[in-house]
Amino acid sequence: MAELKTKATTDSVTAFLNSIVPAEKQEDGMKLLEIFENVTGEKAVMWGTSIVGFGKYHYKSERSTQEGDWPLVGFSPRKQNLTLYIMAGNQDKLEILKKLGKYKASVGCLYIKRLSDVDLYILEELIKNSFKYNASILTKK
């Protein structure tokens, strides 16, 4: 079985976010840190070198022998977008997503160019939905 590359570390979340350039993306990362910690009540943990995660669950793949731990929700301030791992529990929330602002989405991720493009209240609701959904479903397996 291949070892997972992305694992929880003891690296400093603040040091990671302070290293982000440009300054606008760094500020957005710090604001996301505040929002995620407030919404989840969890302390931020670095996962690998670029994901800031909150909470965790253990999974076992049904299609392979892969298993490991992963954050319940998280984000990564990547070069192109702010990537938020919050779509679980929100795929059917079309009405709330319509109110969010400018974004792109995949099965598990929400992609935002900058926080000023979205309604932060709606974003908080999406984070809360995903965290509660993942905590209720995934931590009981």
N, C-alpha and C. Protein backbone atom coordinates (compact mmCIF):
# COMPACT_ATOMS: atom_id res chain seq x y z
N MET A 1 0.84 -1.18 0.00
CA MET A 1 0.00 0.00 0.00
C MET A 1 0.89 1.25 0.00
N ALA A 2 0.55 2.18 -0.87
CA ALA A 2 1.31 3.42 -0.95
C ALA A 2 1.03 4.30 0.26
N GLU A 3 2.06 4.89 0.79
CA GLU A 3 1.95 5.78 1.95
C GLU A 3 1.37 7.12 1.50
N LEU A 4 0.42 7.64 2.24
CA LEU A 4 -0.15 8.95 1.93
C LEU A 4 0.90 10.03 2.13
N LYS A 5 0.96 10.97 1.20
CA LYS A 5 1.91 12.06 1.30
C LYS A 5 1.38 13.19 2.20
N THR A 6 0.08 13.38 2.17
CA THR A 6 -0.51 14.47 2.92
C THR A 6 -0.99 13.97 4.27
N LYS A 7 -0.24 14.36 5.31
CA LYS A 7 -0.55 13.96 6.68
C LYS A 7 -0.49 15.20 7.57
N ALA A 8 -1.14 15.09 8.73
CA ALA A 8 -1.07 16.18 9.71
C ALA A 8 0.39 16.33 10.16
N THR A 9 0.81 17.58 10.31
CA THR A 9 2.18 17.88 10.76
C THR A 9 2.12 18.79 11.98
N THR A 10 3.26 19.07 12.54
CA THR A 10 3.35 20.04 13.64
C THR A 10 3.84 21.39 13.14
N ASP A 11 3.92 21.57 11.83
CA ASP A 11 4.37 22.84 11.26
C ASP A 11 3.40 23.96 11.66
N SER A 12 3.92 25.16 11.74
CA SER A 12 3.14 26.32 12.14
C SER A 12 2.22 26.79 11.01
N VAL A 13 0.93 26.85 11.30
CA VAL A 13 -0.04 27.37 10.33
C VAL A 13 0.24 28.84 10.07
N THR A 14 0.50 29.59 11.11
CA THR A 14 0.75 31.03 10.97
C THR A 14 2.00 31.29 10.13
N ALA A 15 3.06 30.54 10.37
CA ALA A 15 4.29 30.71 9.58
C ALA A 15 4.01 30.39 8.11
N PHE A 16 3.24 29.33 7.86
CA PHE A 16 2.89 28.99 6.47
C PHE A 16 2.12 30.14 5.83
N LEU A 17 1.07 30.62 6.50
CA LEU A 17 0.25 31.69 5.92
C LEU A 17 1.05 32.98 5.75
N ASN A 18 1.97 33.27 6.67
CA ASN A 18 2.81 34.46 6.54
C ASN A 18 3.76 34.38 5.37
N SER A 19 4.01 33.17 4.87
CA SER A 19 4.94 33.00 3.74
C SER A 19 4.24 33.13 2.38
N ILE A 20 2.93 33.27 2.39
CA ILE A 20 2.16 33.34 1.14
C ILE A 20 2.37 34.68 0.47
N VAL A 21 2.56 34.65 -0.84
CA VAL A 21 2.59 35.87 -1.66
C VAL A 21 1.64 35.65 -2.82
N PRO A 22 0.99 36.69 -3.26
CA PRO A 22 1.07 38.10 -2.88
C PRO A 22 0.37 38.39 -1.56
N ALA A 23 0.50 39.63 -1.12
CA ALA A 23 -0.03 40.04 0.18
C ALA A 23 -1.55 39.82 0.28
N GLU A 24 -2.28 40.06 -0.80
CA GLU A 24 -3.74 39.87 -0.77
C GLU A 24 -4.10 38.42 -0.47
N LYS A 25 -3.38 37.48 -1.05
CA LYS A 25 -3.66 36.06 -0.80
C LYS A 25 -3.28 35.71 0.65
N GLN A 26 -2.21 36.31 1.15
CA GLN A 26 -1.82 36.09 2.55
C GLN A 26 -2.92 36.60 3.49
N GLU A 27 -3.43 37.79 3.22
CA GLU A 27 -4.50 38.36 4.04
C GLU A 27 -5.75 37.49 3.97
N ASP A 28 -6.09 37.00 2.78
CA ASP A 28 -7.23 36.11 2.63
C ASP A 28 -7.02 34.81 3.42
N GLY A 29 -5.80 34.28 3.41
CA GLY A 29 -5.49 33.07 4.17
C GLY A 29 -5.66 33.28 5.66
N MET A 30 -5.22 34.42 6.16
CA MET A 30 -5.37 34.74 7.58
C MET A 30 -6.84 34.91 7.95
N LYS A 31 -7.61 35.53 7.06
CA LYS A 31 -9.04 35.70 7.30
C LYS A 31 -9.74 34.34 7.29
N LEU A 32 -9.37 33.46 6.37
CA LEU A 32 -9.94 32.12 6.33
C LEU A 32 -9.61 31.35 7.61
N LEU A 33 -8.39 31.50 8.09
CA LEU A 33 -7.99 30.85 9.34
C LEU A 33 -8.94 31.27 10.47
N GLU A 34 -9.18 32.56 10.58
CA GLU A 34 -10.08 33.09 11.60
C GLU A 34 -11.50 32.54 11.43
N ILE A 35 -12.00 32.55 10.20
CA ILE A 35 -13.35 32.08 9.93
C ILE A 35 -13.49 30.59 10.25
N PHE A 36 -12.58 29.77 9.75
CA PHE A 36 -12.65 28.33 9.98
C PHE A 36 -12.56 27.99 11.47
N GLU A 37 -11.66 28.65 12.19
CA GLU A 37 -11.53 28.36 13.62
C GLU A 37 -12.80 28.76 14.37
N ASN A 38 -13.38 29.91 14.01
CA ASN A 38 -14.61 30.36 14.66
C ASN A 38 -15.78 29.42 14.37
N VAL A 39 -15.91 29.02 13.12
CA VAL A 39 -17.05 28.18 12.71
C VAL A 39 -16.92 26.77 13.27
N THR A 40 -15.73 26.19 13.21
CA THR A 40 -15.57 24.78 13.60
C THR A 40 -15.27 24.59 15.08
N GLY A 41 -14.69 25.61 15.72
CA GLY A 41 -14.25 25.46 17.10
C GLY A 41 -12.99 24.61 17.23
N GLU A 42 -12.38 24.27 16.10
CA GLU A 42 -11.17 23.45 16.06
C GLU A 42 -9.94 24.32 15.86
N LYS A 43 -8.82 23.85 16.37
CA LYS A 43 -7.54 24.51 16.14
C LYS A 43 -7.01 24.06 14.77
N ALA A 44 -6.43 24.99 14.04
CA ALA A 44 -5.89 24.70 12.72
C ALA A 44 -4.65 23.81 12.80
N VAL A 45 -4.53 22.90 11.86
CA VAL A 45 -3.38 21.99 11.76
C VAL A 45 -2.92 21.98 10.31
N MET A 46 -1.60 22.01 10.11
CA MET A 46 -1.07 21.87 8.75
C MET A 46 -1.16 20.40 8.33
N TRP A 47 -1.62 20.19 7.11
CA TRP A 47 -1.67 18.87 6.49
C TRP A 47 -0.76 18.96 5.27
N GLY A 48 0.32 18.21 5.31
CA GLY A 48 1.31 18.32 4.25
C GLY A 48 1.94 19.70 4.32
N THR A 49 2.29 20.23 3.16
CA THR A 49 2.97 21.52 3.13
C THR A 49 2.07 22.70 2.81
N SER A 50 0.79 22.44 2.43
CA SER A 50 0.00 23.57 1.97
C SER A 50 -1.49 23.54 2.31
N ILE A 51 -1.94 22.57 3.10
CA ILE A 51 -3.36 22.51 3.46
C ILE A 51 -3.51 22.81 4.95
N VAL A 52 -4.43 23.71 5.25
CA VAL A 52 -4.77 24.04 6.63
C VAL A 52 -6.07 23.33 6.94
N GLY A 53 -6.02 22.38 7.89
CA GLY A 53 -7.19 21.55 8.16
C GLY A 53 -7.74 21.74 9.56
N PHE A 54 -9.01 21.33 9.72
CA PHE A 54 -9.73 21.48 10.98
C PHE A 54 -10.47 20.19 11.26
N GLY A 55 -10.23 19.61 12.45
CA GLY A 55 -10.81 18.32 12.78
C GLY A 55 -10.14 17.24 11.94
N LYS A 56 -10.54 15.97 12.17
CA LYS A 56 -10.02 14.91 11.32
C LYS A 56 -10.89 13.67 11.44
N TYR A 57 -10.79 12.85 10.42
CA TYR A 57 -11.46 11.55 10.43
C TYR A 57 -10.54 10.53 9.79
N HIS A 58 -10.83 9.28 10.06
CA HIS A 58 -10.05 8.18 9.48
C HIS A 58 -10.91 7.53 8.40
N TYR A 59 -10.31 7.27 7.26
CA TYR A 59 -11.06 6.65 6.17
C TYR A 59 -10.35 5.40 5.67
N LYS A 60 -11.14 4.54 5.08
CA LYS A 60 -10.64 3.35 4.37
C LYS A 60 -11.33 3.35 3.02
N SER A 61 -10.55 3.31 1.97
CA SER A 61 -11.10 3.30 0.62
C SER A 61 -11.82 1.98 0.36
N GLU A 62 -12.97 2.08 -0.28
CA GLU A 62 -13.71 0.88 -0.66
C GLU A 62 -13.16 0.27 -1.95
N ARG A 63 -12.40 1.04 -2.72
CA ARG A 63 -11.89 0.58 -4.01
C ARG A 63 -10.44 0.10 -3.97
N SER A 64 -9.75 0.40 -2.87
CA SER A 64 -8.35 -0.01 -2.78
C SER A 64 -8.03 -0.31 -1.31
N THR A 65 -6.76 -0.54 -1.03
CA THR A 65 -6.35 -0.80 0.35
C THR A 65 -5.91 0.48 1.06
N GLN A 66 -6.09 1.61 0.38
CA GLN A 66 -5.65 2.88 0.95
C GLN A 66 -6.53 3.27 2.14
N GLU A 67 -5.88 3.79 3.18
CA GLU A 67 -6.58 4.34 4.33
C GLU A 67 -5.69 5.39 4.98
N GLY A 68 -6.31 6.25 5.76
CA GLY A 68 -5.53 7.28 6.44
C GLY A 68 -6.43 8.29 7.10
N ASP A 69 -5.84 9.37 7.55
CA ASP A 69 -6.57 10.46 8.20
C ASP A 69 -6.65 11.64 7.24
N TRP A 70 -7.70 12.44 7.41
CA TRP A 70 -7.91 13.61 6.56
C TRP A 70 -8.71 14.62 7.37
N PRO A 71 -8.52 15.92 7.12
CA PRO A 71 -9.29 16.93 7.86
C PRO A 71 -10.78 16.89 7.50
N LEU A 72 -11.63 17.25 8.43
CA LEU A 72 -13.07 17.33 8.15
C LEU A 72 -13.35 18.46 7.16
N VAL A 73 -12.71 19.59 7.34
CA VAL A 73 -12.76 20.72 6.39
C VAL A 73 -11.38 21.38 6.39
N GLY A 74 -11.12 22.17 5.37
CA GLY A 74 -9.84 22.85 5.31
C GLY A 74 -9.75 23.78 4.12
N PHE A 75 -8.59 24.39 3.97
CA PHE A 75 -8.36 25.28 2.83
C PHE A 75 -6.88 25.31 2.48
N SER A 76 -6.61 25.77 1.27
CA SER A 76 -5.24 25.96 0.83
C SER A 76 -5.19 27.19 -0.06
N PRO A 77 -4.37 28.19 0.30
CA PRO A 77 -4.24 29.38 -0.54
C PRO A 77 -3.27 29.10 -1.69
N ARG A 78 -3.77 28.54 -2.76
CA ARG A 78 -2.95 28.17 -3.91
C ARG A 78 -2.77 29.36 -4.85
N LYS A 79 -1.83 29.22 -5.77
CA LYS A 79 -1.49 30.32 -6.67
C LYS A 79 -2.70 30.83 -7.46
N GLN A 80 -3.46 29.92 -8.06
CA GLN A 80 -4.60 30.32 -8.88
C GLN A 80 -5.82 30.74 -8.07
N ASN A 81 -6.12 29.95 -7.01
CA ASN A 81 -7.34 30.16 -6.24
C ASN A 81 -7.12 29.83 -4.78
N LEU A 82 -8.06 30.28 -3.98
CA LEU A 82 -8.19 29.78 -2.61
C LEU A 82 -9.01 28.50 -2.76
N THR A 83 -8.44 27.38 -2.38
CA THR A 83 -9.14 26.10 -2.49
C THR A 83 -9.69 25.75 -1.12
N LEU A 84 -11.01 25.58 -1.05
CA LEU A 84 -11.67 25.25 0.21
C LEU A 84 -12.26 23.86 0.11
N TYR A 85 -11.89 23.00 1.04
CA TYR A 85 -12.37 21.62 1.07
C TYR A 85 -13.65 21.59 1.90
N ILE A 86 -14.75 22.07 1.29
CA ILE A 86 -16.01 22.23 2.03
C ILE A 86 -17.24 21.82 1.23
N MET A 87 -17.09 21.12 0.14
CA MET A 87 -18.28 20.82 -0.65
C MET A 87 -19.08 19.63 -0.13
N ALA A 88 -18.47 18.74 0.64
CA ALA A 88 -19.23 17.63 1.22
C ALA A 88 -20.35 18.20 2.08
N GLY A 89 -21.57 17.76 1.83
CA GLY A 89 -22.71 18.29 2.56
C GLY A 89 -23.30 19.54 1.95
N ASN A 90 -22.68 20.06 0.89
CA ASN A 90 -23.18 21.29 0.26
C ASN A 90 -23.55 21.12 -1.21
N GLN A 91 -23.35 19.94 -1.79
CA GLN A 91 -23.63 19.75 -3.21
C GLN A 91 -25.08 20.07 -3.57
N ASP A 92 -26.00 19.82 -2.65
CA ASP A 92 -27.42 20.05 -2.92
C ASP A 92 -27.92 21.40 -2.40
N LYS A 93 -27.03 22.26 -1.99
CA LYS A 93 -27.41 23.56 -1.44
C LYS A 93 -27.35 24.64 -2.52
N LEU A 94 -28.07 24.42 -3.61
CA LEU A 94 -27.99 25.33 -4.76
C LEU A 94 -28.46 26.74 -4.44
N GLU A 95 -29.47 26.88 -3.61
CA GLU A 95 -29.97 28.22 -3.27
C GLU A 95 -28.91 29.04 -2.52
N ILE A 96 -28.25 28.43 -1.58
CA ILE A 96 -27.23 29.15 -0.82
C ILE A 96 -25.99 29.42 -1.70
N LEU A 97 -25.65 28.47 -2.56
CA LEU A 97 -24.51 28.68 -3.46
C LEU A 97 -24.76 29.83 -4.43
N LYS A 98 -26.01 30.02 -4.85
CA LYS A 98 -26.35 31.12 -5.75
C LYS A 98 -26.07 32.47 -5.10
N LYS A 99 -26.14 32.51 -3.77
CA LYS A 99 -25.94 33.76 -3.03
C LYS A 99 -24.47 34.02 -2.69
N LEU A 100 -23.60 33.04 -2.93
CA LEU A 100 -22.20 33.14 -2.50
C LEU A 100 -21.42 34.23 -3.21
N GLY A 101 -21.57 34.33 -4.52
CA GLY A 101 -20.76 35.26 -5.31
C GLY A 101 -20.00 34.49 -6.37
N LYS A 102 -18.80 34.95 -6.72
CA LYS A 102 -18.02 34.33 -7.79
C LYS A 102 -17.19 33.16 -7.24
N TYR A 103 -17.42 31.96 -7.81
CA TYR A 103 -16.71 30.76 -7.39
C TYR A 103 -16.80 29.71 -8.47
N LYS A 104 -16.01 28.67 -8.32
CA LYS A 104 -16.12 27.45 -9.10
C LYS A 104 -16.14 26.32 -8.09
N ALA A 105 -16.72 25.19 -8.48
CA ALA A 105 -16.80 24.07 -7.55
C ALA A 105 -16.55 22.76 -8.25
N SER A 106 -16.05 21.79 -7.49
CA SER A 106 -15.91 20.41 -7.94
C SER A 106 -16.64 19.56 -6.91
N VAL A 107 -16.50 18.28 -6.99
CA VAL A 107 -17.19 17.39 -6.05
C VAL A 107 -16.84 17.73 -4.60
N GLY A 108 -15.57 17.96 -4.31
CA GLY A 108 -15.17 18.18 -2.92
C GLY A 108 -14.68 19.58 -2.60
N CYS A 109 -14.40 20.39 -3.62
CA CYS A 109 -13.75 21.67 -3.38
C CYS A 109 -14.52 22.85 -3.93
N LEU A 110 -14.34 23.98 -3.26
CA LEU A 110 -14.84 25.26 -3.71
C LEU A 110 -13.62 26.10 -4.04
N TYR A 111 -13.63 26.74 -5.20
CA TYR A 111 -12.48 27.54 -5.64
C TYR A 111 -12.91 29.00 -5.73
N ILE A 112 -12.17 29.86 -5.02
CA ILE A 112 -12.46 31.29 -4.98
C ILE A 112 -11.18 32.03 -5.34
N LYS A 113 -11.30 33.01 -6.21
CA LYS A 113 -10.12 33.81 -6.59
C LYS A 113 -9.64 34.66 -5.40
N ARG A 114 -10.58 35.35 -4.76
CA ARG A 114 -10.26 36.19 -3.59
C ARG A 114 -11.51 36.30 -2.73
N LEU A 115 -11.31 36.50 -1.44
CA LEU A 115 -12.45 36.55 -0.52
C LEU A 115 -13.40 37.71 -0.82
N SER A 116 -12.88 38.78 -1.40
CA SER A 116 -13.75 39.92 -1.73
C SER A 116 -14.76 39.57 -2.82
N ASP A 117 -14.60 38.42 -3.47
CA ASP A 117 -15.54 37.98 -4.51
C ASP A 117 -16.77 37.27 -3.94
N VAL A 118 -16.77 36.99 -2.64
CA VAL A 118 -17.87 36.20 -2.07
C VAL A 118 -18.46 36.85 -0.83
N ASP A 119 -19.65 36.44 -0.48
CA ASP A 119 -20.33 36.87 0.73
C ASP A 119 -19.80 36.00 1.87
N LEU A 120 -19.12 36.61 2.82
CA LEU A 120 -18.48 35.86 3.91
C LEU A 120 -19.49 35.19 4.83
N TYR A 121 -20.67 35.77 4.99
CA TYR A 121 -21.70 35.14 5.80
C TYR A 121 -22.15 33.82 5.16
N ILE A 122 -22.35 33.84 3.86
CA ILE A 122 -22.74 32.62 3.12
C ILE A 122 -21.60 31.60 3.18
N LEU A 123 -20.37 32.07 3.03
CA LEU A 123 -19.21 31.18 3.11
C LEU A 123 -19.17 30.49 4.48
N GLU A 124 -19.41 31.23 5.53
CA GLU A 124 -19.44 30.64 6.88
C GLU A 124 -20.51 29.55 6.97
N GLU A 125 -21.67 29.79 6.37
CA GLU A 125 -22.74 28.79 6.38
C GLU A 125 -22.31 27.52 5.65
N LEU A 126 -21.62 27.67 4.54
CA LEU A 126 -21.14 26.51 3.79
C LEU A 126 -20.11 25.72 4.59
N ILE A 127 -19.20 26.42 5.26
CA ILE A 127 -18.20 25.76 6.09
C ILE A 127 -18.90 25.00 7.22
N LYS A 128 -19.85 25.66 7.87
CA LYS A 128 -20.59 25.04 8.97
C LYS A 128 -21.33 23.78 8.49
N ASN A 129 -22.01 23.88 7.33
CA ASN A 129 -22.73 22.73 6.76
C ASN A 129 -21.78 21.56 6.54
N SER A 130 -20.66 21.82 5.92
CA SER A 130 -19.72 20.76 5.58
C SER A 130 -19.10 20.14 6.83
N PHE A 131 -18.73 20.98 7.78
CA PHE A 131 -18.12 20.47 9.01
C PHE A 131 -19.10 19.57 9.76
N LYS A 132 -20.34 20.04 9.92
CA LYS A 132 -21.35 19.24 10.63
C LYS A 132 -21.64 17.94 9.88
N TYR A 133 -21.78 18.03 8.56
CA TYR A 133 -22.05 16.85 7.75
C TYR A 133 -20.92 15.83 7.90
N ASN A 134 -19.69 16.28 7.70
CA ASN A 134 -18.54 15.38 7.80
C ASN A 134 -18.38 14.79 9.21
N ALA A 135 -18.58 15.62 10.22
CA ALA A 135 -18.45 15.15 11.60
C ALA A 135 -19.50 14.10 11.91
N SER A 136 -20.72 14.28 11.40
CA SER A 136 -21.78 13.33 11.72
C SER A 136 -21.66 12.04 10.92
N ILE A 137 -21.18 12.11 9.70
CA ILE A 137 -21.09 10.94 8.83
C ILE A 137 -19.74 10.22 8.97
N LEU A 138 -18.67 10.98 8.87
CA LEU A 138 -17.34 10.36 8.72
C LEU A 138 -16.70 9.94 10.03
N THR A 139 -16.98 10.62 11.11
CA THR A 139 -16.31 10.26 12.36
C THR A 139 -16.97 9.05 13.03
N LYS A 140 -18.11 8.63 12.52
CA LYS A 140 -18.81 7.49 13.11
C LYS A 140 -18.50 6.17 12.40
N LYS A 141 -17.76 6.24 11.31
CA LYS A 141 -17.40 5.03 10.56
C LYS A 141 -16.37 4.22 11.28
